[in-house]
Amino acid sequence: MASSPTVLMRLVASAYSIAQKAGTIVRRVIAEGDLGIVEKTCATDLQTKADRLAQMSICSSLARKFPKLTIIGEELVVWVDPLDGTKEYTEGLLDNVTVLIGIAYEGKAIAGVINQPYYNYQAGPDAVLGRTIWGVLGLGAFGFQLKEVPAGKHIITTTRSHNNKLVTDCVTAMNPDDVLRVGGAGNKIIQLIEGKASAYVFASPGCKKWDTCAPEVILHAVGGKLTDIHGNALQYNKEVKHMNSAGVLATLRNYDYYASRVPESVKNALVP
């Protein structure tokens, strides 16, 4: 039965090991030197050999272990991004890159795994690369040290490669002390839970359900909140449109402060 806690924990355990294997594939492709880059829809929407191989590995492994599961059955849906932060991956910004496996039940994100293949990659040639963060609603989130931005500081993390006037207007309205422009939705949520940023603000379409499902769980499991720009919860059932057309607003703390500062002009431009 899809709602069984036993099935859920088996699926999370499998997702953990599968995400680690995908992270190894991501590192191997870089080491081999041929990224196999192709453009999907535009010059900033890229796919690499690592995307393709990691996707194949994740989906085949899940299908083999859970043959009745529909990956993207029933009320239980898995959302996979084999390489979040592809553009940054092609440009050598390797700490931006994550592998995301999110699990939803009846449209709600309930469990997630984030593998960071190049965590610790600047610590020297002998450093052990990679880590895996995971979480389940009602149980908690693990694999990192929870930290918060100092009180009174407003540090915004937002898109590095998909900036536009709406994004700029919304970020400016937050009256930030600093703005971090980085790649990857998974990476931005990690910034929130490790005290590097106060809010993730992306007032634009572009981010998709497979980008937000796993990170949302990690954030919610430690008391944070992720919604669209209007404050609506994201839905993850299999019929839902893949695009988060009304953007993303996420915080570890003080969600209401940031939500109250979203300009009406931005809300009017982004239709849920």
C-alpha atoms as a PDB file:
ATOM      1  CA  MET A   1       0.000   0.000   0.000  1.00  0.00           C
ATOM      2  CA  ALA A   2       1.410   3.390  -1.019  1.00  0.00           C
ATOM      3  CA  SER A   3       0.728   5.019   2.337  1.00  0.00           C
ATOM      4  CA  SER A   4       2.513   2.311   4.380  1.00  0.00           C
ATOM      5  CA  PRO A   5       5.324   3.745   6.550  1.00  0.00           C
ATOM      6  CA  THR A   6       7.337   0.594   5.811  1.00  0.00           C
ATOM      7  CA  VAL A   7       7.113   1.177   2.062  1.00  0.00           C
ATOM      8  CA  LEU A   8       8.006   4.834   2.516  1.00  0.00           C
ATOM      9  CA  MET A   9      11.117   4.109   4.574  1.00  0.00           C
ATOM     10  CA  ARG A  10      12.219   1.408   2.106  1.00  0.00           C
ATOM     11  CA  LEU A  11      11.813   3.929  -0.684  1.00  0.00           C
ATOM     12  CA  VAL A  12      13.746   6.626   1.209  1.00  0.00           C
ATOM     13  CA  ALA A  13      16.564   4.180   2.001  1.00  0.00           C
ATOM     14  CA  SER A  14      16.754   3.170  -1.650  1.00  0.00           C
ATOM     15  CA  ALA A  15      16.662   6.796  -2.793  1.00  0.00           C
ATOM     16  CA  TYR A  16      19.565   7.550  -0.447  1.00  0.00           C
ATOM     17  CA  SER A  17      21.830   4.884  -1.959  1.00  0.00           C
ATOM     18  CA  ILE A  18      20.643   5.581  -5.507  1.00  0.00           C
ATOM     19  CA  ALA A  19      21.371   9.310  -5.110  1.00  0.00           C
ATOM     20  CA  GLN A  20      24.886   8.487  -3.910  1.00  0.00           C
ATOM     21  CA  LYS A  21      25.446   6.316  -6.981  1.00  0.00           C
ATOM     22  CA  ALA A  22      24.163   9.141  -9.210  1.00  0.00           C
ATOM     23  CA  GLY A  23      26.582  11.528  -7.509  1.00  0.00           C
ATOM     24  CA  THR A  24      29.428   9.167  -8.385  1.00  0.00           C
ATOM     25  CA  ILE A  25      28.306   9.242 -12.032  1.00  0.00           C
ATOM     26  CA  VAL A  26      28.277  13.058 -11.977  1.00  0.00           C
ATOM     27  CA  ARG A  27      31.884  13.122 -10.720  1.00  0.00           C
ATOM     28  CA  ARG A  28      32.994  10.451 -13.202  1.00  0.00           C
ATOM     29  CA  VAL A  29      31.737  12.395 -16.224  1.00  0.00           C
ATOM     30  CA  ILE A  30      33.721  15.470 -15.142  1.00  0.00           C
ATOM     31  CA  ALA A  31      36.820  13.333 -14.628  1.00  0.00           C
ATOM     32  CA  GLU A  32      36.500  11.791 -18.091  1.00  0.00           C
ATOM     33  CA  GLY A  33      36.493  15.255 -19.638  1.00  0.00           C
ATOM     34  CA  ASP A  34      33.618  14.886 -22.114  1.00  0.00           C
ATOM     35  CA  LEU A  35      30.443  16.554 -20.781  1.00  0.00           C
ATOM     36  CA  GLY A  36      28.407  15.862 -23.932  1.00  0.00           C
ATOM     37  CA  ILE A  37      26.538  19.167 -23.623  1.00  0.00           C
ATOM     38  CA  VAL A  38      23.349  19.761 -25.607  1.00  0.00           C
ATOM     39  CA  GLU A  39      20.894  22.671 -25.449  1.00  0.00           C
ATOM     40  CA  LYS A  40      17.330  21.701 -24.516  1.00  0.00           C
ATOM     41  CA  THR A  41      15.317  24.899 -25.063  1.00  0.00           C
ATOM     42  CA  CYS A  42      17.888  27.705 -24.944  1.00  0.00           C
ATOM     43  CA  ALA A  43      21.526  28.498 -24.194  1.00  0.00           C
ATOM     44  CA  THR A  44      20.871  28.520 -20.428  1.00  0.00           C
ATOM     45  CA  ASP A  45      18.832  25.285 -20.438  1.00  0.00           C
ATOM     46  CA  LEU A  46      21.458  22.603 -20.876  1.00  0.00           C
ATOM     47  CA  GLN A  47      21.726  18.841 -20.618  1.00  0.00           C
ATOM     48  CA  THR A  48      24.955  16.885 -20.203  1.00  0.00           C
ATOM     49  CA  LYS A  49      26.080  13.277 -20.408  1.00  0.00           C
ATOM     50  CA  ALA A  50      25.903  13.258 -16.602  1.00  0.00           C
ATOM     51  CA  ASP A  51      22.197  14.244 -16.705  1.00  0.00           C
ATOM     52  CA  ARG A  52      21.435  11.391 -19.068  1.00  0.00           C
ATOM     53  CA  LEU A  53      23.480   8.695 -17.322  1.00  0.00           C
ATOM     54  CA  ALA A  54      22.346   9.686 -13.808  1.00  0.00           C
ATOM     55  CA  GLN A  55      18.692   9.819 -14.904  1.00  0.00           C
ATOM     56  CA  MET A  56      18.983   6.350 -16.438  1.00  0.00           C
ATOM     57  CA  SER A  57      20.648   4.984 -13.315  1.00  0.00           C
ATOM     58  CA  ILE A  58      18.096   6.483 -10.913  1.00  0.00           C
ATOM     59  CA  CYS A  59      15.026   5.450 -12.890  1.00  0.00           C
ATOM     60  CA  SER A  60      16.221   1.920 -13.657  1.00  0.00           C
ATOM     61  CA  SER A  61      17.229   1.325 -10.025  1.00  0.00           C
ATOM     62  CA  LEU A  62      13.885   2.569  -8.673  1.00  0.00           C
ATOM     63  CA  ALA A  63      11.943   0.604 -11.293  1.00  0.00           C
ATOM     64  CA  ARG A  64      13.835  -2.575 -10.423  1.00  0.00           C
ATOM     65  CA  LYS A  65      13.266  -2.202  -6.660  1.00  0.00           C
ATOM     66  CA  PHE A  66       9.723  -0.811  -6.897  1.00  0.00           C
ATOM     67  CA  PRO A  67       8.234  -2.200 -10.148  1.00  0.00           C
ATOM     68  CA  LYS A  68       4.726  -0.846  -9.466  1.00  0.00           C
ATOM     69  CA  LEU A  69       5.942   2.705  -8.827  1.00  0.00           C
ATOM     70  CA  THR A  70       5.365   5.443 -11.379  1.00  0.00           C
ATOM     71  CA  ILE A  71       8.370   7.714 -11.401  1.00  0.00           C
ATOM     72  CA  ILE A  72       7.959  11.463 -11.999  1.00  0.00           C
ATOM     73  CA  GLY A  73       2.033   5.222  -8.773  1.00  0.00           C
ATOM     74  CA  GLU A  74      -0.867   5.688  -7.471  1.00  0.00           C
ATOM     75  CA  GLU A  75      -0.935   8.335  -4.789  1.00  0.00           C
ATOM     76  CA  LEU A  76       2.849   7.990  -4.396  1.00  0.00           C
ATOM     77  CA  VAL A  77       4.934   9.931  -6.911  1.00  0.00           C
ATOM     78  CA  VAL A  78       8.723  10.239  -7.178  1.00  0.00           C
ATOM     79  CA  TRP A  79      10.182  13.435  -8.662  1.00  0.00           C
ATOM     80  CA  VAL A  80      13.772  13.113  -9.909  1.00  0.00           C
ATOM     81  CA  ASP A  81      16.323  15.678 -11.021  1.00  0.00           C
ATOM     82  CA  PRO A  82      19.496  13.737 -11.838  1.00  0.00           C
ATOM     83  CA  LEU A  83      21.594  16.912 -12.101  1.00  0.00           C
ATOM     84  CA  ASP A  84      20.259  20.132 -10.578  1.00  0.00           C
ATOM     85  CA  GLY A  85      22.464  23.068 -11.561  1.00  0.00           C
ATOM     86  CA  THR A  86      23.464  21.765 -14.989  1.00  0.00           C
ATOM     87  CA  LYS A  87      24.676  25.131 -16.288  1.00  0.00           C
ATOM     88  CA  GLU A  88      26.928  25.582 -13.273  1.00  0.00           C
ATOM     89  CA  TYR A  89      28.181  22.017 -13.730  1.00  0.00           C
ATOM     90  CA  THR A  90      29.317  22.880 -17.258  1.00  0.00           C
ATOM     91  CA  GLU A  91      31.086  26.001 -15.959  1.00  0.00           C
ATOM     92  CA  GLY A  92      32.992  24.303 -13.146  1.00  0.00           C
ATOM     93  CA  LEU A  93      30.893  25.722 -10.272  1.00  0.00           C
ATOM     94  CA  LEU A  94      30.682  22.257  -8.828  1.00  0.00           C
ATOM     95  CA  ASP A  95      29.467  23.109  -5.326  1.00  0.00           C
ATOM     96  CA  ASN A  96      26.185  24.328  -6.917  1.00  0.00           C
ATOM     97  CA  VAL A  97      25.373  20.844  -8.232  1.00  0.00           C
ATOM     98  CA  THR A  98      22.960  18.401  -6.558  1.00  0.00           C
ATOM     99  CA  VAL A  99      21.066  15.186  -7.312  1.00  0.00           C
ATOM    100  CA  LEU A 100      17.427  15.399  -6.159  1.00  0.00           C
ATOM    101  CA  ILE A 101      14.952  12.598  -5.413  1.00  0.00           C
ATOM    102  CA  GLY A 102      11.648  13.772  -3.939  1.00  0.00           C
ATOM    103  CA  ILE A 103       8.717  11.605  -2.808  1.00  0.00           C
ATOM    104  CA  ALA A 104       5.139  12.889  -2.674  1.00  0.00           C
ATOM    105  CA  TYR A 105       1.955  11.335  -1.326  1.00  0.00           C
ATOM    106  CA  GLU A 106      -1.484  12.611  -2.369  1.00  0.00           C
ATOM    107  CA  GLY A 107       0.164  15.700  -3.845  1.00  0.00           C
ATOM    108  CA  LYS A 108       2.238  16.622  -0.781  1.00  0.00           C
ATOM    109  CA  ALA A 109       6.025  16.356  -0.609  1.00  0.00           C
ATOM    110  CA  ILE A 110       6.766  13.981   2.281  1.00  0.00           C
ATOM    111  CA  ALA A 111      10.328  12.699   1.854  1.00  0.00           C
ATOM    112  CA  GLY A 112      13.425  13.798  -0.004  1.00  0.00           C
ATOM    113  CA  VAL A 113      17.081  13.104  -0.667  1.00  0.00           C
ATOM    114  CA  ILE A 114      19.703  15.617  -1.813  1.00  0.00           C
ATOM    115  CA  ASN A 115      23.107  14.335  -2.846  1.00  0.00           C
ATOM    116  CA  GLN A 116      25.828  16.975  -3.201  1.00  0.00           C
ATOM    117  CA  PRO A 117      28.483  15.213  -5.330  1.00  0.00           C
ATOM    118  CA  TYR A 118      31.169  17.858  -4.904  1.00  0.00           C
ATOM    119  CA  TYR A 119      30.673  18.786  -1.274  1.00  0.00           C
ATOM    120  CA  ASN A 120      34.140  19.380   0.202  1.00  0.00           C
ATOM    121  CA  TYR A 121      35.767  19.636  -3.252  1.00  0.00           C
ATOM    122  CA  GLN A 122      37.780  22.735  -2.291  1.00  0.00           C
ATOM    123  CA  ALA A 123      39.265  21.101   0.815  1.00  0.00           C
ATOM    124  CA  GLY A 124      42.294  19.664  -0.972  1.00  0.00           C
ATOM    125  CA  PRO A 125      43.210  16.594  -3.038  1.00  0.00           C
ATOM    126  CA  ASP A 126      42.801  14.176  -0.125  1.00  0.00           C
ATOM    127  CA  ALA A 127      39.321  15.356   0.836  1.00  0.00           C
ATOM    128  CA  VAL A 128      36.430  12.901   0.743  1.00  0.00           C
ATOM    129  CA  LEU A 129      33.950  14.228  -1.809  1.00  0.00           C
ATOM    130  CA  GLY A 130      30.183  14.271  -1.541  1.00  0.00           C
ATOM    131  CA  ARG A 131      27.456  14.062   1.073  1.00  0.00           C
ATOM    132  CA  THR A 132      23.809  13.052   1.175  1.00  0.00           C
ATOM    133  CA  ILE A 133      21.125  15.001   3.029  1.00  0.00           C
ATOM    134  CA  TRP A 134      17.749  13.355   3.604  1.00  0.00           C
ATOM    135  CA  GLY A 135      14.508  14.052   5.379  1.00  0.00           C
ATOM    136  CA  VAL A 136      11.011  12.788   6.111  1.00  0.00           C
ATOM    137  CA  LEU A 137       8.154  14.964   7.341  1.00  0.00           C
ATOM    138  CA  GLY A 138       7.443  14.189  10.975  1.00  0.00           C
ATOM    139  CA  LEU A 139      10.803  12.501  11.426  1.00  0.00           C
ATOM    140  CA  GLY A 140      13.362  15.218  10.675  1.00  0.00           C
ATOM    141  CA  ALA A 141      16.231  15.986   8.326  1.00  0.00           C
ATOM    142  CA  PHE A 142      19.735  14.575   8.521  1.00  0.00           C
ATOM    143  CA  GLY A 143      23.220  14.801   7.039  1.00  0.00           C
ATOM    144  CA  PHE A 144      24.002  18.464   7.827  1.00  0.00           C
ATOM    145  CA  GLN A 145      24.381  20.890  10.725  1.00  0.00           C
ATOM    146  CA  LEU A 146      21.378  23.220  11.015  1.00  0.00           C
ATOM    147  CA  LYS A 147      22.367  26.879  11.304  1.00  0.00           C
ATOM    148  CA  GLU A 148      20.527  30.194  11.044  1.00  0.00           C
ATOM    149  CA  VAL A 149      21.503  33.576   9.627  1.00  0.00           C
ATOM    150  CA  PRO A 150      22.260  36.064  12.438  1.00  0.00           C
ATOM    151  CA  ALA A 151      19.153  37.842  13.726  1.00  0.00           C
ATOM    152  CA  GLY A 152      18.297  40.987  11.812  1.00  0.00           C
ATOM    153  CA  LYS A 153      20.224  39.994   8.687  1.00  0.00           C
ATOM    154  CA  HIS A 154      18.353  39.641   5.391  1.00  0.00           C
ATOM    155  CA  ILE A 155      20.420  37.628   2.911  1.00  0.00           C
ATOM    156  CA  ILE A 156      18.657  36.593  -0.269  1.00  0.00           C
ATOM    157  CA  THR A 157      19.674  33.677  -2.461  1.00  0.00           C
ATOM    158  CA  THR A 158      18.341  33.726  -6.006  1.00  0.00           C
ATOM    159  CA  THR A 159      18.977  32.602  -9.547  1.00  0.00           C
ATOM    160  CA  ARG A 160      22.356  33.018 -11.151  1.00  0.00           C
ATOM    161  CA  SER A 161      21.420  32.251 -14.750  1.00  0.00           C
ATOM    162  CA  HIS A 162      17.697  33.097 -15.103  1.00  0.00           C
ATOM    163  CA  ASN A 163      17.519  36.690 -13.929  1.00  0.00           C
ATOM    164  CA  ASN A 164      14.872  39.111 -15.244  1.00  0.00           C
ATOM    165  CA  LYS A 165      13.034  42.276 -14.157  1.00  0.00           C
ATOM    166  CA  LEU A 166      10.506  40.402 -12.010  1.00  0.00           C
ATOM    167  CA  VAL A 167      13.267  38.589 -10.140  1.00  0.00           C
ATOM    168  CA  THR A 168      15.202  41.839  -9.647  1.00  0.00           C
ATOM    169  CA  ASP A 169      12.132  43.782  -8.491  1.00  0.00           C
ATOM    170  CA  CYS A 170      11.168  41.105  -5.988  1.00  0.00           C
ATOM    171  CA  VAL A 171      14.684  40.712  -4.581  1.00  0.00           C
ATOM    172  CA  THR A 172      15.054  44.497  -4.242  1.00  0.00           C
ATOM    173  CA  ALA A 173      11.726  44.698  -2.377  1.00  0.00           C
ATOM    174  CA  MET A 174      13.164  42.422   0.310  1.00  0.00           C
ATOM    175  CA  ASN A 175      15.611  45.219   1.268  1.00  0.00           C
ATOM    176  CA  PRO A 176      18.458  42.686   1.463  1.00  0.00           C
ATOM    177  CA  ASP A 177      21.766  43.159   3.229  1.00  0.00           C
ATOM    178  CA  ASP A 178      23.303  40.850   0.626  1.00  0.00           C
ATOM    179  CA  VAL A 179      22.244  38.901  -2.465  1.00  0.00           C
ATOM    180  CA  LEU A 180      23.748  35.524  -3.385  1.00  0.00           C
ATOM    181  CA  ARG A 181      23.332  34.494  -7.024  1.00  0.00           C
ATOM    182  CA  VAL A 182      23.913  30.778  -7.323  1.00  0.00           C
ATOM    183  CA  GLY A 183      22.699  27.808  -9.343  1.00  0.00           C
ATOM    184  CA  GLY A 184      20.424  24.933  -8.378  1.00  0.00           C
ATOM    185  CA  ALA A 185      17.265  24.863  -6.255  1.00  0.00           C
ATOM    186  CA  GLY A 186      18.761  22.151  -4.070  1.00  0.00           C
ATOM    187  CA  ASN A 187      21.838  24.267  -3.469  1.00  0.00           C
ATOM    188  CA  LYS A 188      19.723  27.286  -2.474  1.00  0.00           C
ATOM    189  CA  ILE A 189      17.780  25.288   0.109  1.00  0.00           C
ATOM    190  CA  ILE A 190      21.078  24.010   1.528  1.00  0.00           C
ATOM    191  CA  GLN A 191      22.119  27.662   1.899  1.00  0.00           C
ATOM    192  CA  LEU A 192      18.977  28.279   3.965  1.00  0.00           C
ATOM    193  CA  ILE A 193      19.444  25.338   6.327  1.00  0.00           C
ATOM    194  CA  GLU A 194      23.158  26.025   6.818  1.00  0.00           C
ATOM    195  CA  GLY A 195      22.749  29.707   7.699  1.00  0.00           C
ATOM    196  CA  LYS A 196      24.186  31.230   4.536  1.00  0.00           C
ATOM    197  CA  ALA A 197      20.917  32.813   3.366  1.00  0.00           C
ATOM    198  CA  SER A 198      17.639  33.960   4.916  1.00  0.00           C
ATOM    199  CA  ALA A 199      15.302  33.539   1.948  1.00  0.00           C
ATOM    200  CA  TYR A 200      15.243  31.919  -1.475  1.00  0.00           C
ATOM    201  CA  VAL A 201      13.419  34.294  -3.832  1.00  0.00           C
ATOM    202  CA  PHE A 202      12.693  33.308  -7.427  1.00  0.00           C
ATOM    203  CA  ALA A 203       9.887  35.439  -8.876  1.00  0.00           C
ATOM    204  CA  SER A 204       9.732  33.797 -12.272  1.00  0.00           C
ATOM    205  CA  PRO A 205       8.619  30.620 -14.026  1.00  0.00           C
ATOM    206  CA  GLY A 206      11.420  28.200 -14.822  1.00  0.00           C
ATOM    207  CA  CYS A 207      11.824  26.094 -11.708  1.00  0.00           C
ATOM    208  CA  LYS A 208      10.055  22.714 -11.960  1.00  0.00           C
ATOM    209  CA  LYS A 209       8.509  20.234  -9.546  1.00  0.00           C
ATOM    210  CA  TRP A 210      11.532  17.930  -9.658  1.00  0.00           C
ATOM    211  CA  ASP A 211      13.653  20.929  -8.583  1.00  0.00           C
ATOM    212  CA  THR A 212      11.572  21.671  -5.472  1.00  0.00           C
ATOM    213  CA  CYS A 213      10.057  18.398  -4.191  1.00  0.00           C
ATOM    214  CA  ALA A 214      13.078  16.983  -2.328  1.00  0.00           C
ATOM    215  CA  PRO A 215      14.423  20.370  -1.121  1.00  0.00           C
ATOM    216  CA  GLU A 216      10.969  21.368   0.162  1.00  0.00           C
ATOM    217  CA  VAL A 217      10.843  18.311   2.407  1.00  0.00           C
ATOM    218  CA  ILE A 218      14.279  18.985   3.885  1.00  0.00           C
ATOM    219  CA  LEU A 219      13.293  22.584   4.610  1.00  0.00           C
ATOM    220  CA  HIS A 220       9.849  21.752   6.050  1.00  0.00           C
ATOM    221  CA  ALA A 221      11.317  18.979   8.222  1.00  0.00           C
ATOM    222  CA  VAL A 222      13.375  21.585  10.120  1.00  0.00           C
ATOM    223  CA  GLY A 223      10.581  24.150  10.462  1.00  0.00           C
ATOM    224  CA  GLY A 224      11.018  26.152   7.255  1.00  0.00           C
ATOM    225  CA  LYS A 225       8.495  26.938   4.554  1.00  0.00           C
ATOM    226  CA  LEU A 226       8.444  26.812   0.748  1.00  0.00           C
ATOM    227  CA  THR A 227       5.574  28.124  -1.390  1.00  0.00           C
ATOM    228  CA  ASP A 228       5.009  29.924  -4.650  1.00  0.00           C
ATOM    229  CA  ILE A 229       5.269  33.730  -4.703  1.00  0.00           C
ATOM    230  CA  HIS A 230       1.572  34.023  -3.730  1.00  0.00           C
ATOM    231  CA  GLY A 231       2.033  31.858  -0.645  1.00  0.00           C
ATOM    232  CA  ASN A 232       0.353  28.789  -2.137  1.00  0.00           C
ATOM    233  CA  ALA A 233       1.663  25.341  -1.266  1.00  0.00           C
ATOM    234  CA  LEU A 234       3.098  23.446  -4.236  1.00  0.00           C
ATOM    235  CA  GLN A 235       1.293  20.297  -5.368  1.00  0.00           C
ATOM    236  CA  TYR A 236       3.141  17.174  -6.513  1.00  0.00           C
ATOM    237  CA  ASN A 237       0.496  14.748  -7.782  1.00  0.00           C
ATOM    238  CA  LYS A 238       1.230  13.078 -11.110  1.00  0.00           C
ATOM    239  CA  GLU A 239      -1.307  15.185 -13.064  1.00  0.00           C
ATOM    240  CA  VAL A 240       0.076  18.562 -11.941  1.00  0.00           C
ATOM    241  CA  LYS A 241       1.917  20.745 -14.442  1.00  0.00           C
ATOM    242  CA  HIS A 242       5.660  20.408 -14.064  1.00  0.00           C
ATOM    243  CA  MET A 243       6.495  24.115 -14.159  1.00  0.00           C
ATOM    244  CA  ASN A 244       6.328  26.155 -10.944  1.00  0.00           C
ATOM    245  CA  SER A 245       4.779  28.972 -12.956  1.00  0.00           C
ATOM    246  CA  ALA A 246       4.265  31.274  -9.971  1.00  0.00           C
ATOM    247  CA  GLY A 247       7.872  31.106  -8.805  1.00  0.00           C
ATOM    248  CA  VAL A 248       9.298  30.077  -5.446  1.00  0.00           C
ATOM    249  CA  LEU A 249       9.596  31.733  -2.037  1.00  0.00           C
ATOM    250  CA  ALA A 250      11.328  29.780   0.732  1.00  0.00           C
ATOM    251  CA  THR A 251      12.708  30.602   4.171  1.00  0.00           C
ATOM    252  CA  LEU A 252      13.994  28.794   7.219  1.00  0.00           C
ATOM    253  CA  ARG A 253      12.518  31.423   9.538  1.00  0.00           C
ATOM    254  CA  ASN A 254      10.457  34.651   9.275  1.00  0.00           C
ATOM    255  CA  TYR A 255       8.487  33.548   6.220  1.00  0.00           C
ATOM    256  CA  ASP A 256       5.744  36.149   6.814  1.00  0.00           C
ATOM    257  CA  TYR A 257       8.247  39.016   6.666  1.00  0.00           C
ATOM    258  CA  TYR A 258       9.445  38.052   3.200  1.00  0.00           C
ATOM    259  CA  ALA A 259       5.989  37.116   1.912  1.00  0.00           C
ATOM    260  CA  SER A 260       4.644  40.521   2.961  1.00  0.00           C
ATOM    261  CA  ARG A 261       7.271  42.296   0.872  1.00  0.00           C
ATOM    262  CA  VAL A 262       6.503  40.616  -2.462  1.00  0.00           C
ATOM    263  CA  PRO A 263       5.298  43.469  -4.729  1.00  0.00           C
ATOM    264  CA  GLU A 264       1.745  43.299  -6.073  1.00  0.00           C
ATOM    265  CA  SER A 265       3.142  43.921  -9.536  1.00  0.00           C
ATOM    266  CA  VAL A 266       5.135  40.711  -9.256  1.00  0.00           C
ATOM    267  CA  LYS A 267       2.135  38.726  -7.997  1.00  0.00           C
ATOM    268  CA  ASN A 268      -0.016  40.044 -10.836  1.00  0.00           C
ATOM    269  CA  ALA A 269       2.586  38.960 -13.385  1.00  0.00           C
ATOM    270  CA  LEU A 270       2.886  35.388 -12.082  1.00  0.00           C
ATOM    271  CA  VAL A 271      -0.201  33.229 -12.508  1.00  0.00           C
ATOM    272  CA  PRO A 272      -0.355  30.071 -10.344  1.00  0.00           C
END
